[in-house]
Amino acid sequence: MSEKPEHDSKTEEATEKRLREASEKGNVPVSREAGTFASLAAFLLASVLFLRDGARRLLDAFSRMMVATYASRFDEFSGERFEILQTVEQAPSAKLVKTRVIQSNGKAVSLNYLVRLVGAEWKAVDVFLDGTISELASRRAEFTSILKSGGPDALISSLRQQGDKLLAGG
């Protein structure tokens, strides 16, 4: 790994305030319109019919956890490369975009995106790690299990704990 100038090096973990400010300014490594977020949020809200305050708390905890998740995955640059390999038509309004991330050690990691045409824009609705592990399916299964065993408050608590852990660098 090449040496970076001292002023470019990360000297401390981002605080929740800095992450929130970065998010408000749009300086996050994910799109605010990421389809995966929208799909999961819609599933959660449709699955959990409770008071408006509960829905707001759920959406806030979910958004915070997802931003922390993606921020933790892309927290530094170490010479990785991102390559778009091909786009495969899936249905009249869906495509699978096959990509890979080449790590600084030369290892390739498959990272594919399912995109759908929503209005006039293509939006990511799922991400597949190693070509087969669906982020959407994994999260849906996790959230459904928590809802069944503990209800909406347990899901909100779990999302907050996951977000806290990621924001603390864990």
N, C-alpha and C. Protein backbone atom coordinates (compact mmCIF):
# COMPACT_ATOMS: atom_id res chain seq x y z
N MET A 1 0.85 -1.18 0.00
CA MET A 1 0.00 0.00 0.00
C MET A 1 0.89 1.24 0.00
N SER A 2 0.59 2.20 -0.82
CA SER A 2 1.42 3.39 -0.91
C SER A 2 1.14 4.32 0.26
N GLU A 3 2.14 5.10 0.60
CA GLU A 3 2.01 6.05 1.68
C GLU A 3 1.19 7.24 1.22
N LYS A 4 0.28 7.67 2.04
CA LYS A 4 -0.54 8.84 1.74
C LYS A 4 0.02 10.04 2.48
N PRO A 5 -0.16 11.24 1.95
CA PRO A 5 0.27 12.41 2.71
C PRO A 5 -0.47 12.44 4.05
N GLU A 6 0.22 12.98 5.06
CA GLU A 6 -0.34 12.95 6.40
C GLU A 6 -1.70 13.63 6.48
N HIS A 7 -1.92 14.71 5.71
CA HIS A 7 -3.19 15.42 5.79
C HIS A 7 -4.34 14.62 5.19
N ASP A 8 -4.05 13.58 4.40
CA ASP A 8 -5.10 12.75 3.81
C ASP A 8 -5.45 11.55 4.68
N SER A 9 -4.62 11.27 5.69
CA SER A 9 -4.86 10.06 6.47
C SER A 9 -6.00 10.29 7.46
N LYS A 10 -6.71 9.21 7.75
CA LYS A 10 -7.82 9.24 8.69
C LYS A 10 -7.24 9.20 10.09
N THR A 11 -7.52 10.20 10.92
CA THR A 11 -6.93 10.27 12.24
C THR A 11 -7.89 9.88 13.34
N GLU A 12 -9.19 9.85 13.07
CA GLU A 12 -10.16 9.48 14.08
C GLU A 12 -11.41 8.94 13.42
N GLU A 13 -12.17 8.16 14.18
CA GLU A 13 -13.42 7.61 13.66
C GLU A 13 -14.43 8.75 13.48
N ALA A 14 -15.24 8.62 12.47
CA ALA A 14 -16.29 9.61 12.24
C ALA A 14 -17.31 9.54 13.37
N THR A 15 -17.70 10.70 13.89
CA THR A 15 -18.72 10.73 14.92
C THR A 15 -20.09 10.68 14.27
N GLU A 16 -21.10 10.39 15.08
CA GLU A 16 -22.46 10.35 14.55
C GLU A 16 -22.83 11.72 13.96
N LYS A 17 -22.38 12.79 14.61
CA LYS A 17 -22.66 14.14 14.11
C LYS A 17 -22.04 14.34 12.73
N ARG A 18 -20.78 13.91 12.55
CA ARG A 18 -20.12 14.06 11.25
C ARG A 18 -20.81 13.22 10.18
N LEU A 19 -21.21 11.99 10.54
CA LEU A 19 -21.92 11.14 9.57
C LEU A 19 -23.25 11.79 9.18
N ARG A 20 -23.97 12.34 10.17
CA ARG A 20 -25.25 12.99 9.89
C ARG A 20 -25.04 14.21 8.99
N GLU A 21 -24.03 15.03 9.31
CA GLU A 21 -23.76 16.21 8.49
C GLU A 21 -23.36 15.82 7.07
N ALA A 22 -22.53 14.79 6.94
CA ALA A 22 -22.14 14.31 5.62
C ALA A 22 -23.35 13.82 4.85
N SER A 23 -24.24 13.11 5.54
CA SER A 23 -25.44 12.60 4.89
C SER A 23 -26.33 13.75 4.43
N GLU A 24 -26.48 14.77 5.28
CA GLU A 24 -27.32 15.92 4.93
C GLU A 24 -26.74 16.69 3.73
N LYS A 25 -25.42 16.70 3.60
CA LYS A 25 -24.78 17.37 2.47
C LYS A 25 -24.71 16.48 1.25
N GLY A 26 -25.12 15.21 1.39
CA GLY A 26 -25.07 14.28 0.26
C GLY A 26 -23.71 13.64 0.09
N ASN A 27 -22.82 13.78 1.07
CA ASN A 27 -21.47 13.21 0.98
C ASN A 27 -21.42 11.83 1.61
N VAL A 28 -22.14 10.89 1.03
CA VAL A 28 -22.13 9.51 1.50
C VAL A 28 -21.84 8.62 0.31
N PRO A 29 -21.28 7.41 0.56
CA PRO A 29 -20.87 6.56 -0.55
C PRO A 29 -22.00 5.79 -1.21
N VAL A 30 -23.24 6.17 -0.93
CA VAL A 30 -24.38 5.51 -1.55
C VAL A 30 -25.37 6.56 -2.01
N SER A 31 -26.17 6.22 -2.97
CA SER A 31 -27.19 7.12 -3.48
C SER A 31 -28.30 7.28 -2.47
N ARG A 32 -28.83 8.48 -2.36
CA ARG A 32 -29.99 8.71 -1.50
C ARG A 32 -31.21 7.99 -2.05
N GLU A 33 -31.18 7.66 -3.31
CA GLU A 33 -32.33 7.01 -3.95
C GLU A 33 -32.10 5.53 -4.16
N ALA A 34 -31.16 4.96 -3.43
CA ALA A 34 -30.84 3.55 -3.64
C ALA A 34 -32.10 2.70 -3.52
N GLY A 35 -32.36 1.94 -4.54
CA GLY A 35 -33.56 1.12 -4.59
C GLY A 35 -33.62 0.09 -3.49
N THR A 36 -32.46 -0.42 -3.08
CA THR A 36 -32.46 -1.40 -2.00
C THR A 36 -33.04 -0.79 -0.74
N PHE A 37 -32.64 0.43 -0.42
CA PHE A 37 -33.19 1.10 0.76
C PHE A 37 -34.69 1.24 0.62
N ALA A 38 -35.14 1.70 -0.54
CA ALA A 38 -36.57 1.92 -0.75
C ALA A 38 -37.35 0.62 -0.66
N SER A 39 -36.83 -0.44 -1.26
CA SER A 39 -37.52 -1.73 -1.21
C SER A 39 -37.62 -2.25 0.21
N LEU A 40 -36.51 -2.17 0.96
CA LEU A 40 -36.54 -2.66 2.33
C LEU A 40 -37.43 -1.78 3.21
N ALA A 41 -37.36 -0.48 3.03
CA ALA A 41 -38.21 0.41 3.82
C ALA A 41 -39.68 0.16 3.53
N ALA A 42 -40.03 -0.04 2.26
CA ALA A 42 -41.42 -0.32 1.90
C ALA A 42 -41.87 -1.64 2.52
N PHE A 43 -41.01 -2.66 2.48
CA PHE A 43 -41.35 -3.95 3.09
C PHE A 43 -41.57 -3.78 4.59
N LEU A 44 -40.68 -3.04 5.26
CA LEU A 44 -40.82 -2.86 6.69
C LEU A 44 -42.10 -2.10 7.05
N LEU A 45 -42.37 -1.04 6.33
CA LEU A 45 -43.55 -0.25 6.64
C LEU A 45 -44.84 -1.00 6.33
N ALA A 46 -44.84 -1.79 5.25
CA ALA A 46 -46.02 -2.58 4.90
C ALA A 46 -46.22 -3.71 5.89
N SER A 47 -45.13 -4.26 6.42
CA SER A 47 -45.21 -5.39 7.34
C SER A 47 -45.59 -4.97 8.75
N VAL A 48 -45.35 -3.75 9.08
CA VAL A 48 -45.55 -3.28 10.45
C VAL A 48 -46.57 -2.15 10.46
N LEU A 49 -47.80 -2.49 10.81
CA LEU A 49 -48.85 -1.47 10.87
C LEU A 49 -49.05 -1.07 12.32
N PHE A 50 -48.42 0.01 12.68
CA PHE A 50 -48.58 0.52 14.03
C PHE A 50 -48.55 2.04 13.99
N LEU A 51 -48.61 2.69 15.14
CA LEU A 51 -48.74 4.14 15.22
C LEU A 51 -47.71 4.89 14.39
N ARG A 52 -48.10 6.07 13.95
CA ARG A 52 -47.23 6.90 13.11
C ARG A 52 -45.87 7.12 13.77
N ASP A 53 -45.84 7.33 15.06
CA ASP A 53 -44.57 7.52 15.76
C ASP A 53 -43.71 6.27 15.65
N GLY A 54 -44.32 5.10 15.74
CA GLY A 54 -43.58 3.85 15.60
C GLY A 54 -43.00 3.71 14.22
N ALA A 55 -43.76 4.05 13.20
CA ALA A 55 -43.27 3.98 11.82
C ALA A 55 -42.10 4.95 11.62
N ARG A 56 -42.21 6.12 12.19
CA ARG A 56 -41.12 7.12 12.07
C ARG A 56 -39.86 6.61 12.76
N ARG A 57 -40.01 6.06 13.96
CA ARG A 57 -38.86 5.52 14.70
C ARG A 57 -38.22 4.38 13.92
N LEU A 58 -39.06 3.53 13.31
CA LEU A 58 -38.56 2.41 12.52
C LEU A 58 -37.79 2.91 11.31
N LEU A 59 -38.36 3.84 10.58
CA LEU A 59 -37.69 4.36 9.39
C LEU A 59 -36.39 5.07 9.75
N ASP A 60 -36.39 5.82 10.84
CA ASP A 60 -35.16 6.51 11.28
C ASP A 60 -34.07 5.50 11.65
N ALA A 61 -34.44 4.47 12.41
CA ALA A 61 -33.47 3.46 12.83
C ALA A 61 -32.95 2.68 11.61
N PHE A 62 -33.85 2.35 10.69
CA PHE A 62 -33.47 1.62 9.48
C PHE A 62 -32.52 2.46 8.61
N SER A 63 -32.86 3.71 8.38
CA SER A 63 -32.02 4.59 7.55
C SER A 63 -30.63 4.75 8.16
N ARG A 64 -30.58 4.96 9.46
CA ARG A 64 -29.30 5.14 10.15
C ARG A 64 -28.44 3.88 10.04
N MET A 65 -29.06 2.71 10.24
CA MET A 65 -28.33 1.45 10.16
C MET A 65 -27.81 1.21 8.75
N MET A 66 -28.62 1.47 7.72
CA MET A 66 -28.18 1.23 6.34
C MET A 66 -27.06 2.19 5.93
N VAL A 67 -27.17 3.45 6.29
CA VAL A 67 -26.10 4.41 5.98
C VAL A 67 -24.82 3.98 6.69
N ALA A 68 -24.92 3.58 7.95
CA ALA A 68 -23.74 3.12 8.70
C ALA A 68 -23.16 1.85 8.07
N THR A 69 -24.04 0.95 7.60
CA THR A 69 -23.58 -0.29 6.96
C THR A 69 -22.75 0.02 5.73
N TYR A 70 -23.28 0.83 4.83
CA TYR A 70 -22.54 1.12 3.60
C TYR A 70 -21.32 2.00 3.86
N ALA A 71 -21.42 2.92 4.79
CA ALA A 71 -20.25 3.74 5.13
C ALA A 71 -19.13 2.88 5.68
N SER A 72 -19.47 1.87 6.48
CA SER A 72 -18.43 1.01 7.04
C SER A 72 -17.79 0.12 5.98
N ARG A 73 -18.53 -0.19 4.93
CA ARG A 73 -17.98 -1.03 3.86
C ARG A 73 -17.04 -0.25 2.95
N PHE A 74 -17.23 1.05 2.88
CA PHE A 74 -16.43 1.88 1.99
C PHE A 74 -15.77 3.00 2.77
N ASP A 75 -15.13 2.67 3.88
CA ASP A 75 -14.60 3.70 4.76
C ASP A 75 -13.21 4.20 4.37
N GLU A 76 -12.53 3.50 3.50
CA GLU A 76 -11.22 4.00 3.06
C GLU A 76 -10.87 3.42 1.69
N PHE A 77 -9.94 4.06 1.05
CA PHE A 77 -9.48 3.62 -0.26
C PHE A 77 -8.08 3.06 -0.11
N SER A 78 -7.88 1.84 -0.61
CA SER A 78 -6.56 1.19 -0.51
C SER A 78 -6.11 0.67 -1.87
N GLY A 79 -6.47 1.39 -2.93
CA GLY A 79 -6.03 0.98 -4.26
C GLY A 79 -6.98 0.04 -4.98
N GLU A 80 -8.21 -0.14 -4.47
CA GLU A 80 -9.16 -1.01 -5.14
C GLU A 80 -9.60 -0.41 -6.48
N ARG A 81 -10.04 -1.30 -7.37
CA ARG A 81 -10.59 -0.87 -8.66
C ARG A 81 -11.99 -1.44 -8.80
N PHE A 82 -12.85 -0.71 -9.46
CA PHE A 82 -14.21 -1.15 -9.72
C PHE A 82 -14.36 -1.33 -11.22
N GLU A 83 -14.82 -2.52 -11.64
CA GLU A 83 -14.97 -2.80 -13.07
C GLU A 83 -16.39 -3.22 -13.38
N ILE A 84 -16.97 -2.64 -14.41
CA ILE A 84 -18.28 -3.07 -14.91
C ILE A 84 -18.00 -4.09 -16.01
N LEU A 85 -18.50 -5.31 -15.81
CA LEU A 85 -18.21 -6.40 -16.74
C LEU A 85 -19.23 -6.51 -17.87
N GLN A 86 -20.52 -6.51 -17.52
CA GLN A 86 -21.56 -6.60 -18.54
C GLN A 86 -22.91 -6.28 -17.92
N THR A 87 -23.85 -5.98 -18.79
CA THR A 87 -25.23 -5.75 -18.39
C THR A 87 -26.09 -6.77 -19.09
N VAL A 88 -26.90 -7.49 -18.31
CA VAL A 88 -27.74 -8.56 -18.85
C VAL A 88 -29.21 -8.18 -18.69
N GLU A 89 -29.94 -8.17 -19.80
CA GLU A 89 -31.38 -7.88 -19.75
C GLU A 89 -32.07 -8.98 -18.96
N GLN A 90 -32.94 -8.62 -18.02
CA GLN A 90 -33.66 -9.59 -17.21
C GLN A 90 -35.14 -9.67 -17.60
N ALA A 91 -35.77 -8.57 -17.68
CA ALA A 91 -37.18 -8.46 -18.04
C ALA A 91 -37.33 -7.14 -18.78
N PRO A 92 -38.51 -6.85 -19.26
CA PRO A 92 -38.65 -5.60 -20.01
C PRO A 92 -38.12 -4.36 -19.28
N SER A 93 -38.19 -4.37 -17.95
CA SER A 93 -37.74 -3.18 -17.23
C SER A 93 -36.73 -3.51 -16.13
N ALA A 94 -35.92 -4.56 -16.34
CA ALA A 94 -34.91 -4.93 -15.35
C ALA A 94 -33.62 -5.37 -16.04
N LYS A 95 -32.50 -5.09 -15.37
CA LYS A 95 -31.19 -5.50 -15.87
C LYS A 95 -30.33 -5.94 -14.71
N LEU A 96 -29.43 -6.87 -14.97
CA LEU A 96 -28.43 -7.27 -13.99
C LEU A 96 -27.10 -6.68 -14.45
N VAL A 97 -26.54 -5.81 -13.63
CA VAL A 97 -25.26 -5.19 -13.95
C VAL A 97 -24.19 -5.96 -13.19
N LYS A 98 -23.35 -6.67 -13.94
CA LYS A 98 -22.29 -7.49 -13.34
C LYS A 98 -21.03 -6.65 -13.22
N THR A 99 -20.52 -6.59 -11.99
CA THR A 99 -19.31 -5.81 -11.71
C THR A 99 -18.40 -6.63 -10.82
N ARG A 100 -17.21 -6.10 -10.62
CA ARG A 100 -16.33 -6.69 -9.62
C ARG A 100 -15.44 -5.60 -9.07
N VAL A 101 -15.05 -5.83 -7.83
CA VAL A 101 -14.11 -4.95 -7.16
C VAL A 101 -12.80 -5.73 -7.09
N ILE A 102 -11.75 -5.13 -7.61
CA ILE A 102 -10.42 -5.73 -7.54
C ILE A 102 -9.72 -5.10 -6.35
N GLN A 103 -9.49 -5.92 -5.33
CA GLN A 103 -8.85 -5.43 -4.12
C GLN A 103 -7.38 -5.13 -4.39
N SER A 104 -6.76 -4.38 -3.50
CA SER A 104 -5.36 -3.99 -3.70
C SER A 104 -4.43 -5.20 -3.74
N ASN A 105 -4.86 -6.34 -3.17
CA ASN A 105 -4.04 -7.55 -3.22
C ASN A 105 -4.29 -8.37 -4.48
N GLY A 106 -5.16 -7.87 -5.38
CA GLY A 106 -5.44 -8.54 -6.64
C GLY A 106 -6.66 -9.44 -6.62
N LYS A 107 -7.22 -9.71 -5.44
CA LYS A 107 -8.39 -10.57 -5.33
C LYS A 107 -9.62 -9.85 -5.90
N ALA A 108 -10.38 -10.57 -6.75
CA ALA A 108 -11.59 -10.02 -7.35
C ALA A 108 -12.81 -10.47 -6.55
N VAL A 109 -13.70 -9.52 -6.27
CA VAL A 109 -14.94 -9.82 -5.56
C VAL A 109 -16.10 -9.42 -6.47
N SER A 110 -16.95 -10.39 -6.78
CA SER A 110 -18.11 -10.14 -7.63
C SER A 110 -19.15 -9.33 -6.85
N LEU A 111 -19.65 -8.27 -7.46
CA LEU A 111 -20.66 -7.42 -6.84
C LEU A 111 -21.63 -7.02 -7.94
N ASN A 112 -22.79 -7.66 -7.98
CA ASN A 112 -23.75 -7.43 -9.05
C ASN A 112 -24.95 -6.66 -8.52
N TYR A 113 -25.56 -5.88 -9.41
CA TYR A 113 -26.70 -5.03 -9.06
C TYR A 113 -27.89 -5.37 -9.94
N LEU A 114 -29.04 -5.57 -9.31
CA LEU A 114 -30.28 -5.69 -10.07
C LEU A 114 -30.88 -4.29 -10.12
N VAL A 115 -31.09 -3.80 -11.33
CA VAL A 115 -31.66 -2.46 -11.49
C VAL A 115 -32.99 -2.58 -12.23
N ARG A 116 -33.90 -1.66 -11.89
CA ARG A 116 -35.21 -1.62 -12.55
C ARG A 116 -35.48 -0.21 -13.02
N LEU A 117 -36.22 -0.15 -14.12
CA LEU A 117 -36.63 1.14 -14.66
C LEU A 117 -37.82 1.63 -13.85
N VAL A 118 -37.63 2.75 -13.17
CA VAL A 118 -38.69 3.36 -12.36
C VAL A 118 -38.92 4.74 -12.95
N GLY A 119 -40.04 4.88 -13.64
CA GLY A 119 -40.28 6.12 -14.37
C GLY A 119 -39.27 6.21 -15.49
N ALA A 120 -38.47 7.25 -15.48
CA ALA A 120 -37.46 7.44 -16.52
C ALA A 120 -36.05 7.10 -16.03
N GLU A 121 -35.93 6.60 -14.80
CA GLU A 121 -34.61 6.35 -14.22
C GLU A 121 -34.41 4.88 -13.86
N TRP A 122 -33.18 4.41 -14.01
CA TRP A 122 -32.80 3.07 -13.57
C TRP A 122 -32.37 3.18 -12.12
N LYS A 123 -32.93 2.29 -11.26
CA LYS A 123 -32.61 2.33 -9.83
C LYS A 123 -32.20 0.94 -9.35
N ALA A 124 -31.19 0.90 -8.51
CA ALA A 124 -30.75 -0.37 -7.92
C ALA A 124 -31.81 -0.85 -6.94
N VAL A 125 -32.22 -2.11 -7.08
CA VAL A 125 -33.21 -2.68 -6.16
C VAL A 125 -32.62 -3.81 -5.33
N ASP A 126 -31.45 -4.31 -5.72
CA ASP A 126 -30.79 -5.35 -4.92
C ASP A 126 -29.32 -5.38 -5.29
N VAL A 127 -28.52 -5.87 -4.35
CA VAL A 127 -27.09 -6.03 -4.53
C VAL A 127 -26.76 -7.48 -4.21
N PHE A 128 -25.94 -8.12 -5.06
CA PHE A 128 -25.57 -9.51 -4.87
C PHE A 128 -24.06 -9.61 -4.67
N LEU A 129 -23.65 -10.00 -3.47
CA LEU A 129 -22.24 -10.20 -3.16
C LEU A 129 -21.83 -11.58 -3.64
N ASP A 130 -20.69 -11.68 -4.24
CA ASP A 130 -20.18 -12.93 -4.82
C ASP A 130 -21.16 -13.51 -5.84
N GLY A 131 -21.95 -12.64 -6.45
CA GLY A 131 -22.86 -13.04 -7.51
C GLY A 131 -24.16 -13.66 -7.08
N THR A 132 -24.27 -14.10 -5.81
CA THR A 132 -25.47 -14.83 -5.41
C THR A 132 -26.08 -14.41 -4.09
N ILE A 133 -25.36 -13.75 -3.22
CA ILE A 133 -25.87 -13.41 -1.89
C ILE A 133 -26.64 -12.10 -1.98
N SER A 134 -27.97 -12.18 -1.91
CA SER A 134 -28.84 -11.02 -2.07
C SER A 134 -28.93 -10.22 -0.77
N GLU A 135 -28.57 -8.95 -0.84
CA GLU A 135 -28.70 -8.06 0.31
C GLU A 135 -30.16 -7.93 0.72
N LEU A 136 -31.03 -7.80 -0.27
CA LEU A 136 -32.46 -7.64 -0.01
C LEU A 136 -33.04 -8.88 0.67
N ALA A 137 -32.76 -10.06 0.15
CA ALA A 137 -33.28 -11.29 0.74
C ALA A 137 -32.72 -11.52 2.14
N SER A 138 -31.44 -11.24 2.32
CA SER A 138 -30.82 -11.42 3.64
C SER A 138 -31.47 -10.52 4.68
N ARG A 139 -31.63 -9.26 4.33
CA ARG A 139 -32.24 -8.30 5.26
C ARG A 139 -33.71 -8.65 5.52
N ARG A 140 -34.44 -9.02 4.47
CA ARG A 140 -35.85 -9.36 4.63
C ARG A 140 -36.01 -10.53 5.61
N ALA A 141 -35.19 -11.55 5.45
CA ALA A 141 -35.25 -12.71 6.35
C ALA A 141 -34.90 -12.31 7.79
N GLU A 142 -33.87 -11.51 7.93
CA GLU A 142 -33.46 -11.05 9.26
C GLU A 142 -34.57 -10.24 9.93
N PHE A 143 -35.14 -9.28 9.21
CA PHE A 143 -36.17 -8.40 9.78
C PHE A 143 -37.45 -9.18 10.09
N THR A 144 -37.83 -10.10 9.22
CA THR A 144 -39.03 -10.90 9.45
C THR A 144 -38.89 -11.74 10.71
N SER A 145 -37.73 -12.33 10.89
CA SER A 145 -37.48 -13.15 12.08
C SER A 145 -37.60 -12.31 13.35
N ILE A 146 -37.02 -11.13 13.34
CA ILE A 146 -37.07 -10.26 14.52
C ILE A 146 -38.51 -9.81 14.78
N LEU A 147 -39.23 -9.45 13.72
CA LEU A 147 -40.63 -9.03 13.88
C LEU A 147 -41.48 -10.14 14.47
N LYS A 148 -41.28 -11.37 13.99
CA LYS A 148 -42.07 -12.50 14.49
C LYS A 148 -41.77 -12.80 15.95
N SER A 149 -40.51 -12.68 16.34
CA SER A 149 -40.14 -13.05 17.71
C SER A 149 -40.35 -11.93 18.72
N GLY A 150 -40.23 -10.68 18.29
CA GLY A 150 -40.30 -9.59 19.27
C GLY A 150 -41.14 -8.39 18.88
N GLY A 151 -41.65 -8.38 17.66
CA GLY A 151 -42.49 -7.27 17.24
C GLY A 151 -41.70 -6.04 16.80
N PRO A 152 -42.44 -4.97 16.49
CA PRO A 152 -41.82 -3.75 15.96
C PRO A 152 -40.77 -3.12 16.88
N ASP A 153 -41.03 -3.11 18.18
CA ASP A 153 -40.06 -2.50 19.09
C ASP A 153 -38.74 -3.26 19.11
N ALA A 154 -38.80 -4.58 18.99
CA ALA A 154 -37.58 -5.39 18.93
C ALA A 154 -36.80 -5.09 17.65
N LEU A 155 -37.51 -4.90 16.55
CA LEU A 155 -36.83 -4.57 15.28
C LEU A 155 -36.17 -3.20 15.38
N ILE A 156 -36.88 -2.23 15.92
CA ILE A 156 -36.30 -0.89 16.09
C ILE A 156 -35.06 -0.97 16.98
N SER A 157 -35.14 -1.71 18.07
CA SER A 157 -34.00 -1.87 18.98
C SER A 157 -32.82 -2.53 18.26
N SER A 158 -33.09 -3.57 17.48
CA SER A 158 -32.03 -4.26 16.74
C SER A 158 -31.37 -3.34 15.72
N LEU A 159 -32.17 -2.58 14.99
CA LEU A 159 -31.62 -1.65 14.00
C LEU A 159 -30.74 -0.60 14.67
N ARG A 160 -31.21 -0.09 15.81
CA ARG A 160 -30.42 0.91 16.54
C ARG A 160 -29.10 0.31 17.03
N GLN A 161 -29.16 -0.90 17.56
CA GLN A 161 -27.94 -1.56 18.05
C GLN A 161 -26.95 -1.80 16.91
N GLN A 162 -27.45 -2.25 15.76
CA GLN A 162 -26.58 -2.48 14.61
C GLN A 162 -25.93 -1.17 14.16
N GLY A 163 -26.74 -0.11 14.08
CA GLY A 163 -26.21 1.20 13.69
C GLY A 163 -25.17 1.70 14.68
N ASP A 164 -25.47 1.57 15.98
CA ASP A 164 -24.52 2.00 17.03
C ASP A 164 -23.19 1.25 16.90
N LYS A 165 -23.29 -0.06 16.70
CA LYS A 165 -22.08 -0.88 16.60
C LYS A 165 -21.23 -0.46 15.40
N LEU A 166 -21.88 -0.25 14.26
CA LEU A 166 -21.14 0.16 13.07
C LEU A 166 -20.54 1.55 13.22
N LEU A 167 -21.29 2.45 13.83
CA LEU A 167 -20.78 3.82 14.03
C LEU A 167 -19.63 3.85 15.03
N ALA A 168 -19.59 2.86 15.93
CA ALA A 168 -18.50 2.79 16.89
C ALA A 168 -17.27 2.09 16.31
N GLY A 169 -17.38 1.67 15.06
CA GLY A 169 -16.25 1.01 14.40
C GLY A 169 -16.24 -0.48 14.56
N GLY A 170 -17.36 -1.06 14.98
CA GLY A 170 -17.41 -2.51 15.21
C GLY A 170 -17.98 -3.31 14.10
